[in-house]
Protein backbone atom coordinates (compact mmCIF):
# COMPACT_ATOMS: atom_id res chain seq x y z
CA MET A 1 145.77 44.82 7.94
CA HIS A 2 144.46 42.82 10.36
CA ARG A 3 144.10 39.33 10.08
CA ARG A 4 145.50 39.26 6.87
CA THR A 5 149.22 38.27 8.47
CA ASN A 6 149.10 35.17 10.87
CA LEU A 7 151.56 36.43 13.69
CA GLY A 8 149.13 37.23 16.75
CA HIS A 9 148.09 33.51 17.58
CA ALA A 10 151.84 32.79 17.44
CA LEU A 11 152.66 35.10 20.35
CA PRO A 12 152.60 34.89 23.76
CA THR A 13 149.17 36.30 24.94
CA THR A 14 151.28 38.87 26.94
CA TYR A 15 151.79 40.22 23.09
CA PRO A 16 148.28 41.24 22.33
CA ASP A 17 147.46 43.20 18.49
CA HIS A 18 146.96 47.03 19.12
CA PRO A 19 144.37 48.09 16.39
CA ARG A 20 144.45 51.17 18.29
CA SER A 21 146.88 52.22 20.48
CA GLN A 22 147.14 54.80 23.01
CA LEU A 23 150.52 55.72 22.38
CA ARG A 24 150.44 56.47 19.13
CA GLN A 25 148.00 56.21 16.12
CA ILE A 26 149.15 52.98 13.89
CA PRO A 27 148.69 53.06 10.23
CA ASP A 28 146.35 50.37 8.01
CA HIS A 29 149.40 49.22 6.54
CA GLN A 30 150.44 48.31 10.14
CA GLU A 31 150.69 45.56 13.10
CA VAL A 32 151.31 45.96 16.47
CA TYR A 33 152.01 43.81 19.18
CA LEU A 34 153.06 45.41 22.66
CA ASP A 35 154.31 43.06 25.63
CA ALA A 36 151.60 43.84 28.70
CA ASP A 37 154.33 42.80 31.04
CA GLY A 38 156.68 45.73 29.73
CA TYR A 39 157.50 47.94 26.66
CA SER A 40 159.07 45.21 24.05
CA SER A 41 156.98 45.23 20.87
CA ILE A 42 157.03 43.66 17.43
CA VAL A 43 155.88 45.87 14.07
CA VAL A 44 154.85 43.94 10.92
CA GLU A 45 154.55 46.38 7.89
CA ILE A 46 153.22 46.19 4.72
CA VAL A 47 155.12 49.03 2.45
CA GLU A 48 155.60 49.08 -1.28
CA TYR A 49 158.45 46.97 -2.84
CA VAL A 50 161.40 49.09 -3.37
CA GLU A 51 163.50 48.45 -6.16
CA LYS A 52 166.83 48.50 -5.89
CA ALA A 53 169.78 47.01 -7.11
CA ASP A 54 169.78 44.12 -5.03
CA ASP A 55 168.05 42.81 -1.98
CA GLU A 56 170.91 43.73 0.59
CA ALA A 57 170.17 47.35 -1.15
CA ALA A 58 167.35 47.23 0.19
CA LEU A 59 167.49 45.87 3.56
CA GLN A 60 170.04 48.88 4.07
CA TYR A 61 167.23 51.17 2.51
CA HIS A 62 164.31 50.32 5.07
CA PHE A 63 166.98 50.28 8.07
CA ARG A 64 168.45 53.73 7.43
CA ASP A 65 164.53 54.61 7.11
CA LEU A 66 164.54 53.24 10.62
CA VAL A 67 167.20 55.05 12.32
CA GLU A 68 167.53 58.30 10.52
CA ASP A 69 166.85 61.10 12.21
CA THR A 70 166.16 59.60 15.67
CA GLY A 71 169.31 61.20 17.09
CA ASP A 72 170.47 57.34 18.92
CA ALA A 73 174.04 56.26 18.02
CA THR A 74 173.22 52.61 16.13
CA THR A 75 175.26 50.14 16.43
CA VAL A 76 175.01 46.94 14.19
CA LEU A 77 175.07 43.47 15.67
CA ALA A 78 174.81 40.44 12.92
CA GLN A 79 173.45 40.84 9.39
CA GLY A 80 172.61 37.63 7.68
CA GLU A 81 169.49 35.84 5.93
CA ALA A 82 167.01 33.09 7.24
CA ARG A 83 163.32 31.49 5.85
CA MET A 84 160.25 31.77 7.22
CA ARG A 85 158.48 27.93 7.80
CA ALA A 86 155.47 28.88 6.00
CA LEU A 87 157.24 30.78 3.20
CA PRO A 88 160.19 28.63 2.22
CA SER A 89 160.88 29.92 -1.33
CA HIS A 90 161.52 33.47 -0.14
CA THR A 91 164.74 34.15 1.87
CA VAL A 92 164.01 36.60 4.62
CA HIS A 93 166.95 39.54 5.29
CA CYS A 94 168.07 39.75 8.98
CA LEU A 95 169.67 43.07 11.08
CA THR A 96 170.02 42.75 14.46
CA PHE A 97 171.14 45.99 15.74
CA VAL A 98 171.36 48.44 18.84
CA GLN A 99 170.12 51.83 19.36
CA THR A 100 171.39 54.21 22.20
CA PRO A 101 170.05 57.44 23.10
CA PRO A 102 172.10 60.39 23.56
CA ALA A 103 172.64 60.76 27.29
CA PRO A 104 169.15 61.42 29.95
CA ASP A 105 168.86 65.01 30.55
CA ALA A 106 168.49 66.51 33.96
CA ASN A 107 165.51 64.74 34.54
CA PRO A 108 166.24 61.90 36.82
CA ARG A 109 162.73 60.69 36.25
CA ARG A 110 163.13 59.89 32.80
CA LYS A 111 162.12 56.39 32.06
CA GLY A 112 163.50 55.93 28.65
CA PRO A 113 165.87 53.19 27.74
CA ALA A 114 169.18 53.08 28.14
CA CYS A 115 169.75 51.03 24.58
CA THR A 116 166.96 49.35 22.36
CA HIS A 117 167.75 46.17 20.83
CA ILE A 118 166.20 45.08 17.23
CA HIS A 119 165.83 42.70 15.05
CA LEU A 120 164.76 44.02 11.52
CA LEU A 121 163.42 40.89 9.20
CA LEU A 122 162.56 42.03 5.70
CA LEU A 123 160.43 39.78 3.07
CA ARG A 124 160.60 40.73 -0.01
CA LEU A 125 157.41 39.70 -2.39
CA LYS A 126 158.78 41.37 -5.50
CA GLU A 127 155.40 39.48 -7.44
CA GLN A 128 153.00 41.64 -4.80
CA GLY A 129 154.44 44.51 -5.32
CA ALA A 130 155.30 44.87 -1.32
CA ASP A 131 158.30 44.20 1.36
CA VAL A 132 157.34 43.28 4.55
CA ILE A 133 159.22 44.64 7.27
CA ILE A 134 159.15 42.98 11.04
CA THR A 135 160.72 44.83 13.67
CA ILE A 136 161.44 43.27 16.93
CA ASN A 137 162.15 45.72 19.50
CA MET A 138 163.56 45.00 22.94
CA PRO A 139 164.36 48.12 25.29
CA HIS A 140 166.72 47.75 27.97
CA TYR A 141 166.12 50.12 31.11
CA PRO A 142 168.65 51.21 33.30
CA ARG A 143 166.64 50.33 37.16
CA GLU A 144 166.53 46.33 35.13
CA ASP A 145 168.53 44.03 37.14
CA PRO A 146 172.05 45.31 36.31
CA ASN A 147 173.55 41.22 37.11
CA ALA A 148 171.29 39.86 34.65
CA THR A 149 174.44 39.52 32.10
CA ALA A 150 174.84 35.93 32.20
CA GLU A 151 178.34 34.20 31.07
CA ASP A 152 177.87 34.62 27.24
CA GLY A 153 177.46 38.32 28.20
CA GLN A 154 174.27 38.42 26.82
CA THR A 155 171.27 39.83 29.07
CA GLN A 156 167.97 37.97 29.47
CA ARG A 157 166.10 40.44 27.13
CA ILE A 158 168.58 39.82 24.23
CA LYS A 159 167.68 36.37 24.61
CA ASP A 160 164.09 37.00 24.51
CA GLY A 161 164.50 38.98 21.47
CA GLN A 162 166.51 36.38 19.99
CA ALA A 163 163.98 33.42 20.99
CA MET A 164 160.93 35.91 19.67
CA ARG A 165 163.08 36.46 16.42
CA ASP A 166 163.74 32.32 15.98
CA ARG A 167 159.60 32.22 17.07
CA VAL A 168 158.49 34.79 14.46
CA LEU A 169 160.47 33.14 11.60
CA GLU A 170 158.37 29.71 12.64
CA THR A 171 155.17 30.80 12.70
CA PHE A 172 154.80 34.06 10.65
CA ALA A 173 152.46 33.50 7.49
CA ILE A 174 150.69 35.30 5.09
CA GLN A 175 146.82 34.33 5.45
CA GLU A 176 144.79 36.80 2.86
CA TRP A 177 147.14 36.81 -0.50
CA ALA A 178 144.74 38.53 -2.47
CA PHE A 179 145.17 41.66 -0.40
CA PHE A 180 148.17 42.05 -2.62
CA GLU A 181 146.53 42.00 -6.23
CA PRO A 182 145.41 45.48 -7.52
CA SER A 183 142.09 46.52 -6.83
């Protein structure tokens, strides 16, 4: 999928595209951008269009696919719609949620996040037979500054995730529409 979407050039330079990750193998239908300064990531995934009664049902389908069988507690914070500047005729369905893993095991050296704030963006391309799923993952680690919560109750990491979501909506574009044409 490299170069079929235009996101990487719009992200901060600390989010390089990782076509070959040392953490996990990245399938051909995904682009993964990892924050070199931390563990945040943005994943763009192109999957087959899901035939559901409506777009809300499709959003819920993809959401369940992401959170099912993780063992994490999931709390939905917000749901709505947005537009991408480069694709103004397409509605983007948005879901913001937090995943909290079970209590850490007895290993005090475990470096897992206390929770992960996630923005799920779903762009439905019915004519092309595809759904584009973008997830912005902002993990929160217990050793981060515990006093980082601002007066509005949001940590800097939450604000950074919202800013990245807004940046994706402003800059995401599909460069090669031919990719979606049947072979």
